[in-house]
Structures are given as structure tokens and as C-alpha cells.
């Protein structure tokens, strides 16, 4: 995902177009370390892309509950998550 964002940043914009929107969902409060990291990611991407990429951060399970997030990612309903590593066990990924 970050590689895709970097490629977009490197490509010159030939004409004005709508920004790319990344929906970033997580299940914790904005004032937690993970929440603050998500907000900082948003700020950096939007600043460095000069507005070509917009990151919408959805904390506190606003879009999806903890058990629904990975499925939402697989379906393309969100583009970024900040899940617990334990969520990857059922997918065959060990901590």
C-alpha cells in the first residue's frame, strides 16, 4: 500500500483531477499511540502528495468492528487498516 502511494507521489500530474482517497480504518481512539500514528500518516501523505492523495481516518470502529476490518479490506471497502497482529493468525501469518 505504501509502495502504491509512493508511486502516485512520483508520477507527475498532467492535469487537475480528483484526489485519490484512502479510507484508513482502525478500532482505537484517536488519542492512543495507534490513533496518533494514523493521524500523522494522514498529515504526511496529504502534505507530501500536495493534495493528490486524501486520507480519511476512521477511528473507534466508526466503519467496521474489529472482526469485520480484514474482510472490508479484502473487499476493497477500505484501503488501510491498523489491526492487531493476532488478526493475521487465521490467514496463516504467525506473529
Foldseek 3Di string as FASTA:
>chain_A
DVVVLVVLLPDDDPDDDQAAEAEEEEAADLPDPVNVVLVVVQVVSCVSSVNNYGYDYHYNCPPHDLLCVVVCCVVVVGVHYDHDPVSCVVVVDDD
